[in-house]
Amino acid sequence: MSKDVIVESFELDHTAVKAPYVRLISEEVGPKGDIITNFDIRLVQPNENAIPTAGLHTIEHLLAKLIRTRIDGMIDCSPFGCRTGFHMIMWGRHTSTEIAKVITSSLEEIANVTSWEDVPGTTIESCGNYKDHSLFSAKEWAKLILSEGISDDPFNRHVV
């Protein structure tokens, strides 16, 4: 028997959103009452731009560390295959505004403070594609994203 499945992100009109933004995708309640929130962290405009793989990979590794220093409860922050941003899964209830501030602060650190020694997981032992990193690209994309500001609304620019 086949099951009808709707994947929310494939239902989103990617021509209507205005990146960079943070969007609450869903809030799920588990069988024991645990709450998990899922966010769309869209850093560049879909179908108009894409972050090159090496830069996105480095941003991914840095966000894995930087977000956890700024907020409790992150389960995962994984890049979209389209290279326009990330899915972020969190324990508990969080708002788009709260997450947008965390992402902004993390990108500011990447753009202005981070050195190669700060990038975690860049060795053959700690990364599945350790040669595919670029801190230069990560910094340049962080600066560009920050210059546009991160909105807590995907359809109307409301920079936090």
N, C-alpha and C. Protein backbone atom coordinates (compact mmCIF):
# COMPACT_ATOMS: atom_id res chain seq x y z
N MET A 1 0.84 -1.18 0.00
CA MET A 1 0.00 0.00 0.00
C MET A 1 0.89 1.25 0.00
N SER A 2 0.61 2.18 -0.88
CA SER A 2 1.39 3.42 -0.93
C SER A 2 0.79 4.45 0.01
N LYS A 3 1.65 5.31 0.49
CA LYS A 3 1.26 6.34 1.45
C LYS A 3 1.46 7.70 0.78
N ASP A 4 0.45 8.55 0.83
CA ASP A 4 0.60 9.91 0.31
C ASP A 4 1.47 10.71 1.28
N VAL A 5 2.49 11.32 0.74
CA VAL A 5 3.42 12.11 1.56
C VAL A 5 3.55 13.49 0.95
N ILE A 6 3.49 14.49 1.80
CA ILE A 6 3.72 15.87 1.37
C ILE A 6 5.01 16.34 2.03
N VAL A 7 5.98 16.73 1.23
CA VAL A 7 7.23 17.28 1.74
C VAL A 7 7.08 18.80 1.70
N GLU A 8 7.03 19.40 2.87
CA GLU A 8 6.72 20.83 2.99
C GLU A 8 7.62 21.70 2.13
N SER A 9 8.90 21.42 2.10
CA SER A 9 9.81 22.30 1.36
C SER A 9 9.56 22.27 -0.15
N PHE A 10 8.98 21.18 -0.66
CA PHE A 10 8.66 21.12 -2.08
C PHE A 10 7.33 21.81 -2.39
N GLU A 11 6.59 22.17 -1.35
CA GLU A 11 5.34 22.90 -1.52
C GLU A 11 5.56 24.42 -1.42
N LEU A 12 6.71 24.83 -0.87
CA LEU A 12 7.03 26.24 -0.72
C LEU A 12 7.26 26.87 -2.09
N ASP A 13 6.65 28.02 -2.33
CA ASP A 13 6.89 28.75 -3.58
C ASP A 13 8.23 29.48 -3.44
N HIS A 14 9.25 28.91 -4.05
CA HIS A 14 10.60 29.47 -3.94
C HIS A 14 10.75 30.79 -4.68
N THR A 15 9.77 31.17 -5.50
CA THR A 15 9.82 32.47 -6.17
C THR A 15 9.21 33.58 -5.31
N ALA A 16 8.52 33.20 -4.23
CA ALA A 16 7.85 34.19 -3.38
C ALA A 16 8.69 34.62 -2.18
N VAL A 17 9.70 33.84 -1.83
CA VAL A 17 10.50 34.15 -0.64
C VAL A 17 11.57 35.19 -0.96
N LYS A 18 12.03 35.86 0.11
CA LYS A 18 13.02 36.93 -0.03
C LYS A 18 14.16 36.67 0.94
N ALA A 19 15.21 36.02 0.45
CA ALA A 19 16.36 35.67 1.28
C ALA A 19 17.29 36.88 1.43
N PRO A 20 18.09 36.86 2.48
CA PRO A 20 18.27 35.88 3.55
C PRO A 20 17.16 35.99 4.60
N TYR A 21 16.74 34.82 5.11
CA TYR A 21 15.69 34.77 6.12
C TYR A 21 15.79 33.50 6.95
N VAL A 22 15.06 33.51 8.07
CA VAL A 22 14.82 32.32 8.87
C VAL A 22 13.32 32.10 8.87
N ARG A 23 12.91 30.86 8.57
CA ARG A 23 11.48 30.52 8.52
C ARG A 23 11.23 29.28 9.36
N LEU A 24 10.25 29.38 10.24
CA LEU A 24 9.82 28.21 10.99
C LEU A 24 9.05 27.31 10.04
N ILE A 25 9.57 26.10 9.81
CA ILE A 25 8.90 25.14 8.93
C ILE A 25 7.82 24.41 9.69
N SER A 26 8.19 23.87 10.86
CA SER A 26 7.21 23.10 11.63
C SER A 26 7.64 22.99 13.08
N GLU A 27 6.64 22.70 13.87
CA GLU A 27 6.85 22.39 15.28
C GLU A 27 6.16 21.05 15.51
N GLU A 28 6.93 20.06 15.89
CA GLU A 28 6.41 18.71 16.08
C GLU A 28 6.42 18.37 17.57
N VAL A 29 5.39 17.64 18.01
CA VAL A 29 5.32 17.17 19.39
C VAL A 29 5.41 15.66 19.35
N GLY A 30 6.41 15.12 20.04
CA GLY A 30 6.61 13.69 20.08
C GLY A 30 5.63 12.99 21.01
N PRO A 31 5.65 11.67 21.01
CA PRO A 31 4.71 10.89 21.82
C PRO A 31 4.86 11.12 23.33
N LYS A 32 6.01 11.61 23.77
CA LYS A 32 6.22 11.90 25.19
C LYS A 32 6.14 13.40 25.49
N GLY A 33 5.66 14.17 24.50
CA GLY A 33 5.50 15.61 24.69
C GLY A 33 6.69 16.46 24.34
N ASP A 34 7.78 15.82 23.88
CA ASP A 34 8.96 16.58 23.47
C ASP A 34 8.63 17.40 22.22
N ILE A 35 9.12 18.62 22.20
CA ILE A 35 8.88 19.51 21.06
C ILE A 35 10.17 19.64 20.26
N ILE A 36 10.02 19.53 18.94
CA ILE A 36 11.13 19.73 18.01
C ILE A 36 10.70 20.78 17.00
N THR A 37 11.55 21.79 16.79
CA THR A 37 11.26 22.81 15.78
C THR A 37 12.23 22.65 14.61
N ASN A 38 11.71 22.87 13.41
CA ASN A 38 12.47 22.74 12.17
C ASN A 38 12.46 24.10 11.47
N PHE A 39 13.64 24.59 11.15
CA PHE A 39 13.77 25.91 10.53
C PHE A 39 14.42 25.81 9.16
N ASP A 40 13.99 26.70 8.27
CA ASP A 40 14.60 26.95 6.97
C ASP A 40 15.49 28.17 7.16
N ILE A 41 16.82 27.96 7.09
CA ILE A 41 17.78 29.06 7.20
C ILE A 41 18.24 29.35 5.77
N ARG A 42 17.59 30.28 5.11
CA ARG A 42 17.86 30.55 3.70
C ARG A 42 18.81 31.73 3.60
N LEU A 43 20.02 31.47 3.14
CA LEU A 43 21.06 32.50 3.12
C LEU A 43 21.14 33.25 1.80
N VAL A 44 20.78 32.61 0.70
CA VAL A 44 20.79 33.28 -0.61
C VAL A 44 19.48 32.99 -1.33
N GLN A 45 19.15 33.85 -2.26
CA GLN A 45 17.88 33.75 -2.98
C GLN A 45 17.83 32.50 -3.85
N PRO A 46 16.83 31.65 -3.64
CA PRO A 46 16.69 30.43 -4.46
C PRO A 46 16.61 30.76 -5.95
N ASN A 47 17.26 29.93 -6.72
CA ASN A 47 17.27 30.01 -8.18
C ASN A 47 17.92 31.26 -8.74
N GLU A 48 18.54 32.05 -7.87
CA GLU A 48 19.30 33.21 -8.32
C GLU A 48 20.76 33.10 -7.93
N ASN A 49 21.03 32.33 -6.87
CA ASN A 49 22.39 32.21 -6.38
C ASN A 49 22.54 30.88 -5.67
N ALA A 50 23.78 30.46 -5.47
CA ALA A 50 24.09 29.26 -4.70
C ALA A 50 25.50 29.43 -4.14
N ILE A 51 25.67 29.03 -2.90
CA ILE A 51 26.99 29.13 -2.27
C ILE A 51 27.85 27.97 -2.78
N PRO A 52 29.04 28.25 -3.28
CA PRO A 52 29.91 27.16 -3.76
C PRO A 52 30.15 26.12 -2.66
N THR A 53 30.31 24.88 -3.08
CA THR A 53 30.38 23.77 -2.15
C THR A 53 31.43 23.95 -1.06
N ALA A 54 32.65 24.35 -1.41
CA ALA A 54 33.72 24.46 -0.41
C ALA A 54 33.37 25.51 0.65
N GLY A 55 32.83 26.64 0.25
CA GLY A 55 32.45 27.67 1.21
C GLY A 55 31.28 27.23 2.08
N LEU A 56 30.29 26.60 1.47
CA LEU A 56 29.13 26.10 2.21
C LEU A 56 29.55 25.03 3.22
N HIS A 57 30.48 24.17 2.81
CA HIS A 57 30.99 23.11 3.68
C HIS A 57 31.67 23.71 4.91
N THR A 58 32.46 24.75 4.71
CA THR A 58 33.14 25.40 5.83
C THR A 58 32.13 26.13 6.71
N ILE A 59 31.16 26.80 6.12
CA ILE A 59 30.10 27.44 6.91
C ILE A 59 29.38 26.38 7.74
N GLU A 60 29.08 25.24 7.14
CA GLU A 60 28.40 24.15 7.87
C GLU A 60 29.20 23.73 9.10
N HIS A 61 30.49 23.49 8.94
CA HIS A 61 31.32 23.07 10.07
C HIS A 61 31.37 24.15 11.15
N LEU A 62 31.48 25.41 10.74
CA LEU A 62 31.53 26.49 11.71
C LEU A 62 30.20 26.69 12.43
N LEU A 63 29.09 26.61 11.69
CA LEU A 63 27.78 26.76 12.33
C LEU A 63 27.53 25.65 13.34
N ALA A 64 28.00 24.44 13.05
CA ALA A 64 27.82 23.32 13.98
C ALA A 64 28.38 23.66 15.36
N LYS A 65 29.46 24.40 15.37
CA LYS A 65 30.10 24.81 16.63
C LYS A 65 29.51 26.13 17.15
N LEU A 66 29.43 27.14 16.29
CA LEU A 66 29.04 28.48 16.73
C LEU A 66 27.61 28.56 17.24
N ILE A 67 26.69 27.88 16.58
CA ILE A 67 25.30 27.91 17.04
C ILE A 67 25.20 27.32 18.44
N ARG A 68 25.90 26.21 18.66
CA ARG A 68 25.83 25.54 19.97
C ARG A 68 26.43 26.39 21.09
N THR A 69 27.31 27.34 20.76
CA THR A 69 27.84 28.23 21.81
C THR A 69 26.86 29.37 22.12
N ARG A 70 25.86 29.55 21.26
CA ARG A 70 24.94 30.67 21.40
C ARG A 70 23.55 30.28 21.88
N ILE A 71 23.15 29.03 21.68
CA ILE A 71 21.81 28.59 22.05
C ILE A 71 21.84 27.09 22.34
N ASP A 72 21.08 26.69 23.33
CA ASP A 72 20.99 25.27 23.67
C ASP A 72 19.92 24.59 22.81
N GLY A 73 20.11 23.31 22.58
CA GLY A 73 19.06 22.51 21.96
C GLY A 73 19.21 22.22 20.49
N MET A 74 20.30 22.64 19.86
CA MET A 74 20.42 22.32 18.44
C MET A 74 20.66 20.83 18.26
N ILE A 75 19.86 20.21 17.43
CA ILE A 75 20.04 18.81 17.09
C ILE A 75 20.92 18.70 15.85
N ASP A 76 20.59 19.49 14.82
CA ASP A 76 21.35 19.41 13.58
C ASP A 76 21.14 20.68 12.75
N CYS A 77 22.16 21.01 11.97
CA CYS A 77 22.08 22.10 11.00
C CYS A 77 22.77 21.59 9.74
N SER A 78 21.97 21.23 8.75
CA SER A 78 22.49 20.57 7.55
C SER A 78 22.19 21.39 6.29
N PRO A 79 23.15 21.44 5.37
CA PRO A 79 22.94 22.26 4.16
C PRO A 79 21.91 21.65 3.21
N PHE A 80 21.19 22.54 2.53
CA PHE A 80 20.30 22.12 1.44
C PHE A 80 21.16 21.68 0.26
N GLY A 81 20.72 20.69 -0.46
CA GLY A 81 21.41 20.27 -1.67
C GLY A 81 21.49 21.37 -2.72
N CYS A 82 20.53 22.30 -2.71
CA CYS A 82 20.54 23.40 -3.67
C CYS A 82 21.56 24.48 -3.32
N ARG A 83 22.19 24.35 -2.14
CA ARG A 83 23.26 25.23 -1.67
C ARG A 83 22.81 26.67 -1.42
N THR A 84 21.54 26.82 -1.01
CA THR A 84 21.02 28.15 -0.70
C THR A 84 20.88 28.40 0.80
N GLY A 85 21.16 27.38 1.60
CA GLY A 85 21.02 27.53 3.04
C GLY A 85 21.00 26.21 3.76
N PHE A 86 20.32 26.18 4.91
CA PHE A 86 20.36 25.03 5.82
C PHE A 86 19.00 24.72 6.42
N HIS A 87 18.79 23.46 6.76
CA HIS A 87 17.73 23.05 7.68
C HIS A 87 18.34 23.05 9.06
N MET A 88 17.62 23.56 10.05
CA MET A 88 18.10 23.50 11.42
C MET A 88 17.00 22.91 12.29
N ILE A 89 17.34 21.84 12.99
CA ILE A 89 16.40 21.14 13.87
C ILE A 89 16.80 21.43 15.31
N MET A 90 15.83 21.84 16.12
CA MET A 90 16.07 22.23 17.51
C MET A 90 15.12 21.51 18.46
N TRP A 91 15.62 21.18 19.65
CA TRP A 91 14.74 20.76 20.72
C TRP A 91 14.01 21.99 21.24
N GLY A 92 12.73 21.87 21.58
CA GLY A 92 11.98 22.94 22.21
C GLY A 92 11.42 23.95 21.24
N ARG A 93 10.71 24.92 21.82
CA ARG A 93 10.10 26.00 21.03
C ARG A 93 11.10 27.13 20.87
N HIS A 94 11.23 27.58 19.65
CA HIS A 94 12.09 28.72 19.34
C HIS A 94 11.39 29.55 18.28
N THR A 95 11.68 30.84 18.26
CA THR A 95 11.07 31.72 17.26
C THR A 95 12.05 31.99 16.12
N SER A 96 11.51 32.39 15.01
CA SER A 96 12.35 32.78 13.87
C SER A 96 13.25 33.95 14.23
N THR A 97 12.74 34.87 15.02
CA THR A 97 13.54 36.03 15.44
C THR A 97 14.73 35.59 16.27
N GLU A 98 14.51 34.71 17.21
CA GLU A 98 15.58 34.20 18.07
C GLU A 98 16.65 33.50 17.23
N ILE A 99 16.23 32.67 16.29
CA ILE A 99 17.18 31.93 15.46
C ILE A 99 17.90 32.87 14.49
N ALA A 100 17.20 33.86 13.95
CA ALA A 100 17.83 34.83 13.04
C ALA A 100 18.95 35.58 13.75
N LYS A 101 18.75 35.93 15.02
CA LYS A 101 19.79 36.61 15.79
C LYS A 101 21.00 35.71 16.01
N VAL A 102 20.76 34.42 16.27
CA VAL A 102 21.85 33.47 16.47
C VAL A 102 22.63 33.29 15.17
N ILE A 103 21.93 33.18 14.05
CA ILE A 103 22.60 33.01 12.75
C ILE A 103 23.39 34.26 12.41
N THR A 104 22.81 35.44 12.63
CA THR A 104 23.51 36.70 12.37
C THR A 104 24.79 36.78 13.18
N SER A 105 24.71 36.51 14.46
CA SER A 105 25.88 36.56 15.33
C SER A 105 26.94 35.55 14.89
N SER A 106 26.52 34.36 14.51
CA SER A 106 27.46 33.34 14.04
C SER A 106 28.15 33.76 12.75
N LEU A 107 27.39 34.32 11.81
CA LEU A 107 27.99 34.78 10.56
C LEU A 107 28.93 35.96 10.79
N GLU A 108 28.61 36.82 11.76
CA GLU A 108 29.52 37.92 12.09
C GLU A 108 30.85 37.38 12.58
N GLU A 109 30.81 36.33 13.38
CA GLU A 109 32.06 35.73 13.85
C GLU A 109 32.83 35.11 12.70
N ILE A 110 32.12 34.42 11.80
CA ILE A 110 32.80 33.84 10.63
C ILE A 110 33.45 34.94 9.81
N ALA A 111 32.72 36.00 9.53
CA ALA A 111 33.20 37.07 8.66
C ALA A 111 34.37 37.84 9.26
N ASN A 112 34.33 38.08 10.57
CA ASN A 112 35.25 39.04 11.17
C ASN A 112 36.31 38.48 12.11
N VAL A 113 36.12 37.26 12.59
CA VAL A 113 37.01 36.76 13.64
C VAL A 113 37.68 35.44 13.27
N THR A 114 36.97 34.57 12.62
CA THR A 114 37.40 33.19 12.41
C THR A 114 38.69 33.08 11.60
N SER A 115 39.59 32.24 12.11
CA SER A 115 40.80 31.87 11.36
C SER A 115 40.69 30.38 11.01
N TRP A 116 41.59 29.92 10.16
CA TRP A 116 41.55 28.52 9.74
C TRP A 116 41.62 27.58 10.94
N GLU A 117 42.39 27.94 11.96
CA GLU A 117 42.53 27.10 13.15
C GLU A 117 41.20 26.96 13.90
N ASP A 118 40.26 27.86 13.67
CA ASP A 118 38.96 27.81 14.35
C ASP A 118 37.97 26.87 13.67
N VAL A 119 38.27 26.43 12.45
CA VAL A 119 37.32 25.60 11.70
C VAL A 119 37.45 24.15 12.18
N PRO A 120 36.38 23.60 12.78
CA PRO A 120 36.46 22.22 13.27
C PRO A 120 36.28 21.21 12.15
N GLY A 121 36.84 20.03 12.34
CA GLY A 121 36.58 18.91 11.44
C GLY A 121 37.16 19.07 10.05
N THR A 122 38.43 19.42 9.96
CA THR A 122 39.03 19.63 8.63
C THR A 122 40.14 18.64 8.32
N THR A 123 40.23 17.58 9.08
CA THR A 123 41.26 16.57 8.83
C THR A 123 40.64 15.35 8.18
N ILE A 124 41.48 14.51 7.61
CA ILE A 124 41.01 13.28 6.97
C ILE A 124 40.27 12.39 7.98
N GLU A 125 40.67 12.45 9.24
CA GLU A 125 40.02 11.64 10.27
C GLU A 125 38.66 12.20 10.69
N SER A 126 38.46 13.50 10.57
CA SER A 126 37.26 14.13 11.13
C SER A 126 36.24 14.61 10.10
N CYS A 127 36.53 14.43 8.82
CA CYS A 127 35.62 14.93 7.77
C CYS A 127 35.61 13.97 6.59
N GLY A 128 34.44 13.76 6.04
CA GLY A 128 34.29 12.86 4.91
C GLY A 128 34.77 13.42 3.58
N ASN A 129 35.02 14.72 3.52
CA ASN A 129 35.54 15.34 2.30
C ASN A 129 36.41 16.52 2.72
N TYR A 130 37.46 16.22 3.48
CA TYR A 130 38.25 17.25 4.15
C TYR A 130 38.97 18.21 3.19
N LYS A 131 39.15 17.82 1.94
CA LYS A 131 39.84 18.71 0.98
C LYS A 131 38.90 19.78 0.41
N ASP A 132 37.60 19.63 0.64
CA ASP A 132 36.61 20.54 0.05
C ASP A 132 36.15 21.57 1.07
N HIS A 133 37.06 22.46 1.46
CA HIS A 133 36.77 23.56 2.38
C HIS A 133 37.38 24.84 1.82
N SER A 134 36.74 25.97 2.14
CA SER A 134 37.32 27.27 1.81
C SER A 134 36.88 28.30 2.84
N LEU A 135 37.78 28.66 3.71
CA LEU A 135 37.47 29.71 4.68
C LEU A 135 37.32 31.05 3.98
N PHE A 136 38.12 31.29 2.94
CA PHE A 136 37.99 32.54 2.19
C PHE A 136 36.56 32.67 1.64
N SER A 137 36.07 31.63 1.00
CA SER A 137 34.71 31.65 0.46
C SER A 137 33.68 31.81 1.57
N ALA A 138 33.84 31.09 2.68
CA ALA A 138 32.90 31.20 3.80
C ALA A 138 32.83 32.63 4.31
N LYS A 139 33.98 33.27 4.46
CA LYS A 139 34.03 34.65 4.95
C LYS A 139 33.36 35.61 3.96
N GLU A 140 33.66 35.46 2.68
CA GLU A 140 33.07 36.35 1.68
C GLU A 140 31.55 36.20 1.61
N TRP A 141 31.06 34.97 1.67
CA TRP A 141 29.60 34.75 1.64
C TRP A 141 28.97 35.26 2.92
N ALA A 142 29.62 35.07 4.06
CA ALA A 142 29.08 35.59 5.33
C ALA A 142 28.95 37.12 5.25
N LYS A 143 29.95 37.79 4.71
CA LYS A 143 29.90 39.25 4.57
C LYS A 143 28.76 39.67 3.66
N LEU A 144 28.59 38.97 2.54
CA LEU A 144 27.52 39.31 1.60
C LEU A 144 26.15 39.12 2.25
N ILE A 145 25.96 38.01 2.92
CA ILE A 145 24.68 37.72 3.58
C ILE A 145 24.40 38.77 4.65
N LEU A 146 25.41 39.09 5.45
CA LEU A 146 25.23 40.10 6.50
C LEU A 146 24.92 41.48 5.93
N SER A 147 25.49 41.81 4.77
CA SER A 147 25.22 43.11 4.16
C SER A 147 23.75 43.25 3.75
N GLU A 148 23.10 42.12 3.49
CA GLU A 148 21.67 42.14 3.14
C GLU A 148 20.79 42.05 4.37
N GLY A 149 21.33 41.52 5.46
CA GLY A 149 20.57 41.36 6.69
C GLY A 149 19.70 40.12 6.66
N ILE A 150 19.52 39.50 7.82
CA ILE A 150 18.70 38.29 7.91
C ILE A 150 17.34 38.66 8.47
N SER A 151 16.32 38.31 7.73
CA SER A 151 14.93 38.59 8.09
C SER A 151 14.35 37.44 8.89
N ASP A 152 13.40 37.75 9.77
CA ASP A 152 12.68 36.69 10.47
C ASP A 152 11.34 36.40 9.80
N ASP A 153 11.18 36.93 8.59
CA ASP A 153 9.97 36.71 7.79
C ASP A 153 10.42 36.36 6.37
N PRO A 154 10.00 35.22 5.83
CA PRO A 154 10.47 34.82 4.51
C PRO A 154 9.85 35.59 3.35
N PHE A 155 8.73 36.25 3.58
CA PHE A 155 8.01 36.90 2.47
C PHE A 155 8.09 38.41 2.50
N ASN A 156 8.29 38.98 3.68
CA ASN A 156 8.43 40.44 3.84
C ASN A 156 9.70 40.69 4.62
N ARG A 157 10.59 41.49 4.07
CA ARG A 157 11.88 41.73 4.72
C ARG A 157 11.67 42.43 6.07
N HIS A 158 12.08 41.75 7.12
CA HIS A 158 12.06 42.29 8.48
C HIS A 158 13.39 41.88 9.12
N VAL A 159 14.41 42.66 8.83
CA VAL A 159 15.76 42.35 9.30
C VAL A 159 15.85 42.50 10.80
N VAL A 160 16.44 41.49 11.45
CA VAL A 160 16.59 41.54 12.91
C VAL A 160 17.98 42.00 13.29
